[in-house]
Amino acid sequence: MKPQDLIDEILEQFYNGIGIKYKHQKDESISLSRYFNFRLKLIAVRPRNVYVSKESLPNIYFSENRESIFLLLEKLRNGIDVNPFQSKQFFNSDYHDMMFNDWAIHHLHLNHTKKNSTDYFNIRTGELLFVKISEDTAYVLDLKKHNDKNVWSNKDIIRIIRNNWNYLIEPYEVGGGQWYPNLNDEEIGIMRNKGFSFSINVDDKTYLMIGHGYSVSGDNGTAVELANEIYRWIGKNIDLFDSDIKKFKILLKKQMQL
């Protein structure tokens, strides 16, 4: 057995435990980075303060899904699991949510019912609630439709964060809004899909690496770094793997936050 075999064993147990079929990757390092990407996107079930941007209030109030949105906000506030409101691609390890990777913003569907009682995800909705989530707070940014132009790369979402909770993005401010290239919403989407990292200008401010970032492959940058940390740990503890694999596995799972 090699350390990677042990990683695959641990990951398969983890995914099976939450009802997901584990997909073995040809590139060994991808297995761990996709696992950490999943963990980063997973919304931990705990009570949170819920703050709503002033820009989203009229959109929510006049939405046909208003009551569903209010109920969703209550679930966020009371610590009820909201992961079934995430995209169905959430369980697809090969799918890259570039908006989440780039800006660390979740999008949630609004329906509270399931097509079949055995389904994990709720029925999809055309409207989406965009939320930035920390350990103890959910910041409701805006309500948009799935088919809105450049919905995943619209700089207005960053403008909303700045206008309501500037402290969330102030650490990532690097310039005065004049960095080149000055990308528009459509160009941001194109650059993401090509795997390029770039700054964004929002009015008189320039920001860099607001979220997790991403690698050329499209994988979440933070997830890739967390995976690399595991491999560095394995390298430092390879003697333990050879001498006491049981203890090695216990410590490895701890490193993997399991």
C-alpha atoms as a PDB file:
ATOM      1  CA  MET A   1       0.000   0.000   0.000  1.00  0.00           C
ATOM      2  CA  LYS A   2       1.119   3.544  -0.835  1.00  0.00           C
ATOM      3  CA  PRO A   3       0.058   6.727   0.983  1.00  0.00           C
ATOM      4  CA  GLN A   4      -2.192   7.590  -1.973  1.00  0.00           C
ATOM      5  CA  ASP A   5      -4.033   4.274  -1.539  1.00  0.00           C
ATOM      6  CA  LEU A   6      -4.725   5.275   2.049  1.00  0.00           C
ATOM      7  CA  ILE A   7      -5.967   8.692   0.920  1.00  0.00           C
ATOM      8  CA  ASP A   8      -8.329   7.020  -1.569  1.00  0.00           C
ATOM      9  CA  GLU A   9      -9.592   4.710   1.174  1.00  0.00           C
ATOM     10  CA  ILE A  10     -10.265   7.630   3.526  1.00  0.00           C
ATOM     11  CA  LEU A  11     -11.953   9.693   0.817  1.00  0.00           C
ATOM     12  CA  GLU A  12     -14.134   6.791  -0.290  1.00  0.00           C
ATOM     13  CA  GLN A  13     -15.289   6.279   3.308  1.00  0.00           C
ATOM     14  CA  PHE A  14     -16.023  10.000   3.654  1.00  0.00           C
ATOM     15  CA  TYR A  15     -18.040  10.271   0.441  1.00  0.00           C
ATOM     16  CA  ASN A  16     -19.929   7.022   1.036  1.00  0.00           C
ATOM     17  CA  GLY A  17     -20.854   8.329   4.477  1.00  0.00           C
ATOM     18  CA  ILE A  18     -22.727  11.248   2.913  1.00  0.00           C
ATOM     19  CA  GLY A  19     -24.173   9.284   0.016  1.00  0.00           C
ATOM     20  CA  ILE A  20     -21.762  10.305  -2.747  1.00  0.00           C
ATOM     21  CA  LYS A  21     -20.056   7.810  -5.038  1.00  0.00           C
ATOM     22  CA  TYR A  22     -16.301   8.379  -4.885  1.00  0.00           C
ATOM     23  CA  LYS A  23     -14.662   9.012  -8.247  1.00  0.00           C
ATOM     24  CA  HIS A  24     -11.025   7.918  -8.504  1.00  0.00           C
ATOM     25  CA  GLN A  25      -8.851  10.423 -10.350  1.00  0.00           C
ATOM     26  CA  LYS A  26      -5.958   9.594 -12.671  1.00  0.00           C
ATOM     27  CA  ASP A  27      -4.023  12.544 -11.257  1.00  0.00           C
ATOM     28  CA  GLU A  28      -3.508  11.633  -7.605  1.00  0.00           C
ATOM     29  CA  SER A  29      -3.259  15.230  -6.393  1.00  0.00           C
ATOM     30  CA  ILE A  30      -6.673  16.078  -7.868  1.00  0.00           C
ATOM     31  CA  SER A  31      -8.444  13.695  -5.477  1.00  0.00           C
ATOM     32  CA  LEU A  32      -7.425  15.750  -2.460  1.00  0.00           C
ATOM     33  CA  SER A  33      -7.947  19.160  -4.048  1.00  0.00           C
ATOM     34  CA  ARG A  34     -11.482  18.168  -5.156  1.00  0.00           C
ATOM     35  CA  TYR A  35     -12.175  16.906  -1.633  1.00  0.00           C
ATOM     36  CA  PHE A  36     -11.078  20.201  -0.076  1.00  0.00           C
ATOM     37  CA  ASN A  37     -13.072  22.117  -2.683  1.00  0.00           C
ATOM     38  CA  PHE A  38     -16.142  20.180  -1.587  1.00  0.00           C
ATOM     39  CA  ARG A  39     -15.406  20.939   2.066  1.00  0.00           C
ATOM     40  CA  LEU A  40     -14.958  24.651   1.310  1.00  0.00           C
ATOM     41  CA  LYS A  41     -18.303  24.818  -0.505  1.00  0.00           C
ATOM     42  CA  LEU A  42     -20.111  22.792   2.147  1.00  0.00           C
ATOM     43  CA  ILE A  43     -22.076  25.185   4.354  1.00  0.00           C
ATOM     44  CA  ALA A  44     -21.515  24.064   7.934  1.00  0.00           C
ATOM     45  CA  VAL A  45     -24.747  23.592   9.845  1.00  0.00           C
ATOM     46  CA  ARG A  46     -24.658  26.207  12.602  1.00  0.00           C
ATOM     47  CA  PRO A  47     -26.670  29.311  13.580  1.00  0.00           C
ATOM     48  CA  ARG A  48     -25.545  32.500  11.870  1.00  0.00           C
ATOM     49  CA  ASN A  49     -26.250  36.180  11.985  1.00  0.00           C
ATOM     50  CA  VAL A  50     -28.009  37.161   8.772  1.00  0.00           C
ATOM     51  CA  TYR A  51     -27.453  40.578   7.196  1.00  0.00           C
ATOM     52  CA  VAL A  52     -29.249  41.721   4.059  1.00  0.00           C
ATOM     53  CA  SER A  53     -27.837  44.319   1.656  1.00  0.00           C
ATOM     54  CA  LYS A  54     -29.897  47.429   0.980  1.00  0.00           C
ATOM     55  CA  GLU A  55     -29.655  46.712  -2.757  1.00  0.00           C
ATOM     56  CA  SER A  56     -31.303  43.306  -2.422  1.00  0.00           C
ATOM     57  CA  LEU A  57     -34.245  44.438  -0.270  1.00  0.00           C
ATOM     58  CA  PRO A  58     -36.534  45.654  -3.096  1.00  0.00           C
ATOM     59  CA  ASN A  59     -35.661  42.637  -5.245  1.00  0.00           C
ATOM     60  CA  ILE A  60     -36.581  40.304  -2.403  1.00  0.00           C
ATOM     61  CA  TYR A  61     -39.728  42.212  -1.471  1.00  0.00           C
ATOM     62  CA  PHE A  62     -41.143  42.149  -5.004  1.00  0.00           C
ATOM     63  CA  SER A  63     -40.028  38.589  -5.783  1.00  0.00           C
ATOM     64  CA  GLU A  64     -42.628  35.906  -6.391  1.00  0.00           C
ATOM     65  CA  ASN A  65     -40.420  33.759  -4.149  1.00  0.00           C
ATOM     66  CA  ARG A  66     -40.498  36.257  -1.273  1.00  0.00           C
ATOM     67  CA  GLU A  67     -41.946  33.892   1.328  1.00  0.00           C
ATOM     68  CA  SER A  68     -39.490  31.165   0.319  1.00  0.00           C
ATOM     69  CA  ILE A  69     -36.615  33.629   0.699  1.00  0.00           C
ATOM     70  CA  PHE A  70     -37.776  34.660   4.173  1.00  0.00           C
ATOM     71  CA  LEU A  71     -37.963  30.999   5.172  1.00  0.00           C
ATOM     72  CA  LEU A  72     -34.481  30.360   3.756  1.00  0.00           C
ATOM     73  CA  LEU A  73     -33.109  33.283   5.779  1.00  0.00           C
ATOM     74  CA  GLU A  74     -34.699  31.798   8.894  1.00  0.00           C
ATOM     75  CA  LYS A  75     -32.966  28.497   8.189  1.00  0.00           C
ATOM     76  CA  LEU A  76     -29.631  30.291   7.878  1.00  0.00           C
ATOM     77  CA  ARG A  77     -30.333  32.139  11.128  1.00  0.00           C
ATOM     78  CA  ASN A  78     -31.400  29.035  13.067  1.00  0.00           C
ATOM     79  CA  GLY A  79     -28.657  26.699  11.874  1.00  0.00           C
ATOM     80  CA  ILE A  80     -30.795  24.441   9.687  1.00  0.00           C
ATOM     81  CA  ASP A  81     -28.985  22.685   6.827  1.00  0.00           C
ATOM     82  CA  VAL A  82     -29.202  24.775   3.645  1.00  0.00           C
ATOM     83  CA  ASN A  83     -26.916  22.650   1.464  1.00  0.00           C
ATOM     84  CA  PRO A  84     -29.931  21.147  -0.390  1.00  0.00           C
ATOM     85  CA  PHE A  85     -30.464  24.661  -1.797  1.00  0.00           C
ATOM     86  CA  GLN A  86     -27.057  24.559  -3.505  1.00  0.00           C
ATOM     87  CA  SER A  87     -26.502  23.694  -7.158  1.00  0.00           C
ATOM     88  CA  LYS A  88     -26.922  20.063  -8.183  1.00  0.00           C
ATOM     89  CA  GLN A  89     -23.333  20.295  -9.438  1.00  0.00           C
ATOM     90  CA  PHE A  90     -22.277  20.561  -5.794  1.00  0.00           C
ATOM     91  CA  PHE A  91     -21.595  16.798  -5.691  1.00  0.00           C
ATOM     92  CA  ASN A  92     -19.828  16.762  -9.076  1.00  0.00           C
ATOM     93  CA  SER A  93     -16.110  16.725  -8.303  1.00  0.00           C
ATOM     94  CA  ASP A  94     -15.252  17.658 -11.902  1.00  0.00           C
ATOM     95  CA  TYR A  95     -17.376  20.819 -11.862  1.00  0.00           C
ATOM     96  CA  HIS A  96     -15.692  24.138 -11.057  1.00  0.00           C
ATOM     97  CA  ASP A  97     -17.889  26.835  -9.551  1.00  0.00           C
ATOM     98  CA  MET A  98     -15.781  29.727 -10.787  1.00  0.00           C
ATOM     99  CA  MET A  99     -17.774  32.398  -8.973  1.00  0.00           C
ATOM    100  CA  PHE A 100     -17.247  30.593  -5.682  1.00  0.00           C
ATOM    101  CA  ASN A 101     -13.578  29.954  -6.435  1.00  0.00           C
ATOM    102  CA  ASP A 102     -12.933  33.550  -7.492  1.00  0.00           C
ATOM    103  CA  TRP A 103     -15.122  35.516  -5.075  1.00  0.00           C
ATOM    104  CA  ALA A 104     -16.125  32.952  -2.381  1.00  0.00           C
ATOM    105  CA  ILE A 105     -19.807  33.618  -3.009  1.00  0.00           C
ATOM    106  CA  HIS A 106     -22.483  30.913  -2.783  1.00  0.00           C
ATOM    107  CA  HIS A 107     -25.653  30.902  -4.835  1.00  0.00           C
ATOM    108  CA  LEU A 108     -28.749  29.231  -3.411  1.00  0.00           C
ATOM    109  CA  HIS A 109     -31.956  28.101  -5.067  1.00  0.00           C
ATOM    110  CA  LEU A 110     -35.159  29.060  -3.285  1.00  0.00           C
ATOM    111  CA  ASN A 111     -37.527  26.081  -3.388  1.00  0.00           C
ATOM    112  CA  HIS A 112     -38.091  24.210  -0.116  1.00  0.00           C
ATOM    113  CA  THR A 113     -39.559  21.051  -1.673  1.00  0.00           C
ATOM    114  CA  LYS A 114     -38.032  18.050  -3.426  1.00  0.00           C
ATOM    115  CA  LYS A 115     -39.228  16.361  -6.598  1.00  0.00           C
ATOM    116  CA  ASN A 116     -38.848  12.966  -4.916  1.00  0.00           C
ATOM    117  CA  SER A 117     -38.689  12.333  -1.186  1.00  0.00           C
ATOM    118  CA  THR A 118     -35.347  10.554  -1.608  1.00  0.00           C
ATOM    119  CA  ASP A 119     -33.707  13.491  -3.433  1.00  0.00           C
ATOM    120  CA  TYR A 120     -30.965  15.400  -1.659  1.00  0.00           C
ATOM    121  CA  PHE A 121     -31.435  18.667  -3.543  1.00  0.00           C
ATOM    122  CA  ASN A 122     -34.553  20.795  -3.568  1.00  0.00           C
ATOM    123  CA  ILE A 123     -36.326  21.671  -6.813  1.00  0.00           C
ATOM    124  CA  ARG A 124     -34.411  24.290  -8.790  1.00  0.00           C
ATOM    125  CA  THR A 125     -35.646  27.866  -9.221  1.00  0.00           C
ATOM    126  CA  GLY A 126     -34.970  30.513 -11.851  1.00  0.00           C
ATOM    127  CA  GLU A 127     -34.148  33.046  -9.157  1.00  0.00           C
ATOM    128  CA  LEU A 128     -30.999  32.642  -7.090  1.00  0.00           C
ATOM    129  CA  LEU A 129     -29.938  34.191  -3.807  1.00  0.00           C
ATOM    130  CA  PHE A 130     -26.276  35.205  -3.719  1.00  0.00           C
ATOM    131  CA  VAL A 131     -24.775  34.919  -0.252  1.00  0.00           C
ATOM    132  CA  LYS A 132     -21.312  35.332   1.226  1.00  0.00           C
ATOM    133  CA  ILE A 133     -20.991  32.985   4.189  1.00  0.00           C
ATOM    134  CA  SER A 134     -18.527  33.017   7.063  1.00  0.00           C
ATOM    135  CA  GLU A 135     -18.423  30.836  10.167  1.00  0.00           C
ATOM    136  CA  ASP A 136     -20.941  32.956  12.048  1.00  0.00           C
ATOM    137  CA  THR A 137     -22.544  35.256   9.470  1.00  0.00           C
ATOM    138  CA  ALA A 138     -24.484  35.078   6.206  1.00  0.00           C
ATOM    139  CA  TYR A 139     -24.330  38.232   4.086  1.00  0.00           C
ATOM    140  CA  VAL A 140     -27.204  38.323   1.605  1.00  0.00           C
ATOM    141  CA  LEU A 141     -25.883  40.180  -1.431  1.00  0.00           C
ATOM    142  CA  ASP A 142     -28.520  40.089  -4.139  1.00  0.00           C
ATOM    143  CA  LEU A 143     -31.295  38.207  -5.853  1.00  0.00           C
ATOM    144  CA  LYS A 144     -30.766  37.479  -9.543  1.00  0.00           C
ATOM    145  CA  LYS A 145     -32.179  35.225 -12.227  1.00  0.00           C
ATOM    146  CA  HIS A 146     -30.213  32.238 -13.443  1.00  0.00           C
ATOM    147  CA  ASN A 147     -30.307  33.474 -17.034  1.00  0.00           C
ATOM    148  CA  ASP A 148     -29.349  37.102 -16.314  1.00  0.00           C
ATOM    149  CA  LYS A 149     -26.489  38.290 -18.500  1.00  0.00           C
ATOM    150  CA  ASN A 150     -23.080  37.652 -16.900  1.00  0.00           C
ATOM    151  CA  VAL A 151     -24.818  36.637 -13.685  1.00  0.00           C
ATOM    152  CA  TRP A 152     -21.704  34.779 -12.450  1.00  0.00           C
ATOM    153  CA  SER A 153     -19.227  37.556 -13.199  1.00  0.00           C
ATOM    154  CA  ASN A 154     -21.161  40.758 -12.582  1.00  0.00           C
ATOM    155  CA  LYS A 155     -18.995  43.262 -10.702  1.00  0.00           C
ATOM    156  CA  ASP A 156     -22.109  44.745  -9.111  1.00  0.00           C
ATOM    157  CA  ILE A 157     -21.930  41.914  -6.574  1.00  0.00           C
ATOM    158  CA  ILE A 158     -18.522  43.181  -5.416  1.00  0.00           C
ATOM    159  CA  ARG A 159     -19.848  46.747  -5.401  1.00  0.00           C
ATOM    160  CA  ILE A 160     -22.663  45.587  -3.110  1.00  0.00           C
ATOM    161  CA  ILE A 161     -20.183  44.028  -0.684  1.00  0.00           C
ATOM    162  CA  ARG A 162     -18.141  47.225  -0.650  1.00  0.00           C
ATOM    163  CA  ASN A 163     -21.178  49.482  -0.132  1.00  0.00           C
ATOM    164  CA  ASN A 164     -22.573  47.406   2.732  1.00  0.00           C
ATOM    165  CA  TRP A 165     -19.669  45.588   4.403  1.00  0.00           C
ATOM    166  CA  ASN A 166     -16.457  47.060   3.070  1.00  0.00           C
ATOM    167  CA  TYR A 167     -14.427  45.322   5.790  1.00  0.00           C
ATOM    168  CA  LEU A 168     -15.012  42.012   4.001  1.00  0.00           C
ATOM    169  CA  ILE A 169     -13.017  43.015   0.930  1.00  0.00           C
ATOM    170  CA  GLU A 170     -10.837  45.876   2.152  1.00  0.00           C
ATOM    171  CA  PRO A 171      -7.916  43.469   2.842  1.00  0.00           C
ATOM    172  CA  TYR A 172      -7.883  42.608  -0.879  1.00  0.00           C
ATOM    173  CA  GLU A 173      -7.730  46.211  -2.087  1.00  0.00           C
ATOM    174  CA  VAL A 174      -4.535  46.782  -4.081  1.00  0.00           C
ATOM    175  CA  GLY A 175      -5.062  49.908  -6.151  1.00  0.00           C
ATOM    176  CA  GLY A 176      -7.118  52.908  -7.146  1.00  0.00           C
ATOM    177  CA  GLY A 177      -9.364  51.418  -9.810  1.00  0.00           C
ATOM    178  CA  GLN A 178      -7.023  51.974 -12.745  1.00  0.00           C
ATOM    179  CA  TRP A 179      -5.190  48.653 -13.061  1.00  0.00           C
ATOM    180  CA  TYR A 180      -4.821  47.208 -16.542  1.00  0.00           C
ATOM    181  CA  PRO A 181      -6.662  45.444 -18.009  1.00  0.00           C
ATOM    182  CA  ASN A 182      -9.913  47.023 -16.857  1.00  0.00           C
ATOM    183  CA  LEU A 183     -12.107  43.969 -17.423  1.00  0.00           C
ATOM    184  CA  ASN A 184     -15.852  44.185 -17.906  1.00  0.00           C
ATOM    185  CA  ASP A 185     -18.280  41.534 -16.635  1.00  0.00           C
ATOM    186  CA  GLU A 186     -18.157  39.422 -19.796  1.00  0.00           C
ATOM    187  CA  GLU A 187     -14.359  39.525 -19.949  1.00  0.00           C
ATOM    188  CA  ILE A 188     -14.131  38.384 -16.318  1.00  0.00           C
ATOM    189  CA  GLY A 189     -16.085  35.252 -17.240  1.00  0.00           C
ATOM    190  CA  ILE A 190     -13.843  34.594 -20.238  1.00  0.00           C
ATOM    191  CA  MET A 191     -10.650  35.038 -18.214  1.00  0.00           C
ATOM    192  CA  ARG A 192     -11.919  32.673 -15.521  1.00  0.00           C
ATOM    193  CA  ASN A 193     -12.716  29.972 -18.049  1.00  0.00           C
ATOM    194  CA  LYS A 194      -9.186  30.230 -19.433  1.00  0.00           C
ATOM    195  CA  GLY A 195      -7.727  29.803 -15.944  1.00  0.00           C
ATOM    196  CA  PHE A 196      -6.158  33.263 -15.676  1.00  0.00           C
ATOM    197  CA  SER A 197      -5.815  35.135 -12.388  1.00  0.00           C
ATOM    198  CA  PHE A 198      -6.465  38.863 -12.591  1.00  0.00           C
ATOM    199  CA  SER A 199      -7.409  41.974 -10.661  1.00  0.00           C
ATOM    200  CA  ILE A 200     -10.800  43.659 -10.976  1.00  0.00           C
ATOM    201  CA  ASN A 201     -11.545  47.378 -10.963  1.00  0.00           C
ATOM    202  CA  VAL A 202     -14.733  48.458  -9.215  1.00  0.00           C
ATOM    203  CA  ASP A 203     -15.187  52.208  -9.526  1.00  0.00           C
ATOM    204  CA  ASP A 204     -12.218  53.785  -7.723  1.00  0.00           C
ATOM    205  CA  LYS A 205     -10.874  50.560  -6.179  1.00  0.00           C
ATOM    206  CA  THR A 206      -8.890  47.595  -7.482  1.00  0.00           C
ATOM    207  CA  TYR A 207      -9.121  44.159  -5.857  1.00  0.00           C
ATOM    208  CA  LEU A 208      -7.075  40.998  -6.152  1.00  0.00           C
ATOM    209  CA  MET A 209      -7.797  37.468  -4.874  1.00  0.00           C
ATOM    210  CA  ILE A 210     -11.085  38.296  -3.146  1.00  0.00           C
ATOM    211  CA  GLY A 211     -11.951  34.617  -2.834  1.00  0.00           C
ATOM    212  CA  HIS A 212     -10.011  31.377  -3.029  1.00  0.00           C
ATOM    213  CA  GLY A 213      -8.438  31.865  -6.438  1.00  0.00           C
ATOM    214  CA  TYR A 214      -8.019  28.990  -8.871  1.00  0.00           C
ATOM    215  CA  SER A 215      -5.369  27.046 -10.691  1.00  0.00           C
ATOM    216  CA  VAL A 216      -4.974  26.760 -14.470  1.00  0.00           C
ATOM    217  CA  SER A 217      -7.033  23.548 -14.281  1.00  0.00           C
ATOM    218  CA  GLY A 218      -9.908  25.535 -12.762  1.00  0.00           C
ATOM    219  CA  ASP A 219      -9.527  23.913  -9.354  1.00  0.00           C
ATOM    220  CA  ASN A 220     -10.079  26.044  -6.274  1.00  0.00           C
ATOM    221  CA  GLY A 221      -6.745  27.656  -5.336  1.00  0.00           C
ATOM    222  CA  THR A 222      -7.232  27.308  -1.581  1.00  0.00           C
ATOM    223  CA  ALA A 223      -8.229  23.666  -2.054  1.00  0.00           C
ATOM    224  CA  VAL A 224      -5.074  23.012  -4.084  1.00  0.00           C
ATOM    225  CA  GLU A 225      -2.913  24.571  -1.367  1.00  0.00           C
ATOM    226  CA  LEU A 226      -4.645  22.518   1.347  1.00  0.00           C
ATOM    227  CA  ALA A 227      -4.002  19.376  -0.713  1.00  0.00           C
ATOM    228  CA  ASN A 228      -0.348  20.337  -1.094  1.00  0.00           C
ATOM    229  CA  GLU A 229      -0.083  20.758   2.674  1.00  0.00           C
ATOM    230  CA  ILE A 230      -1.276  17.166   3.094  1.00  0.00           C
ATOM    231  CA  TYR A 231       1.382  15.882   0.710  1.00  0.00           C
ATOM    232  CA  ARG A 232       4.041  17.897   2.533  1.00  0.00           C
ATOM    233  CA  TRP A 233       2.866  16.366   5.811  1.00  0.00           C
ATOM    234  CA  ILE A 234       3.050  12.873   4.287  1.00  0.00           C
ATOM    235  CA  GLY A 235       6.603  13.536   3.138  1.00  0.00           C
ATOM    236  CA  LYS A 236       7.630  14.560   6.645  1.00  0.00           C
ATOM    237  CA  ASN A 237       5.959  11.512   8.207  1.00  0.00           C
ATOM    238  CA  ILE A 238       6.723   8.772   5.682  1.00  0.00           C
ATOM    239  CA  ASP A 239       8.713   6.826   8.291  1.00  0.00           C
ATOM    240  CA  LEU A 240       5.580   6.601  10.434  1.00  0.00           C
ATOM    241  CA  PHE A 241       3.663   5.253   7.429  1.00  0.00           C
ATOM    242  CA  ASP A 242       6.236   2.468   7.094  1.00  0.00           C
ATOM    243  CA  SER A 243       6.353   1.646  10.816  1.00  0.00           C
ATOM    244  CA  ASP A 244       2.785   2.199  12.108  1.00  0.00           C
ATOM    245  CA  ILE A 245       0.217   2.617   9.363  1.00  0.00           C
ATOM    246  CA  LYS A 246      -2.702   2.564  11.821  1.00  0.00           C
ATOM    247  CA  LYS A 247      -1.384   5.572  13.738  1.00  0.00           C
ATOM    248  CA  PHE A 248      -0.435   7.238  10.439  1.00  0.00           C
ATOM    249  CA  LYS A 249      -4.031   6.905   9.214  1.00  0.00           C
ATOM    250  CA  ILE A 250      -5.427   8.453  12.400  1.00  0.00           C
ATOM    251  CA  LEU A 251      -3.094  11.435  12.111  1.00  0.00           C
ATOM    252  CA  LEU A 252      -3.683  11.737   8.352  1.00  0.00           C
ATOM    253  CA  LYS A 253      -7.450  11.945   8.887  1.00  0.00           C
ATOM    254  CA  LYS A 254      -6.862  14.676  11.439  1.00  0.00           C
ATOM    255  CA  GLN A 255      -4.799  16.586   8.867  1.00  0.00           C
ATOM    256  CA  MET A 256      -7.688  16.158   6.431  1.00  0.00           C
ATOM    257  CA  GLN A 257     -10.083  17.649   9.012  1.00  0.00           C
ATOM    258  CA  LEU A 258     -11.902  14.348   9.479  1.00  0.00           C
END
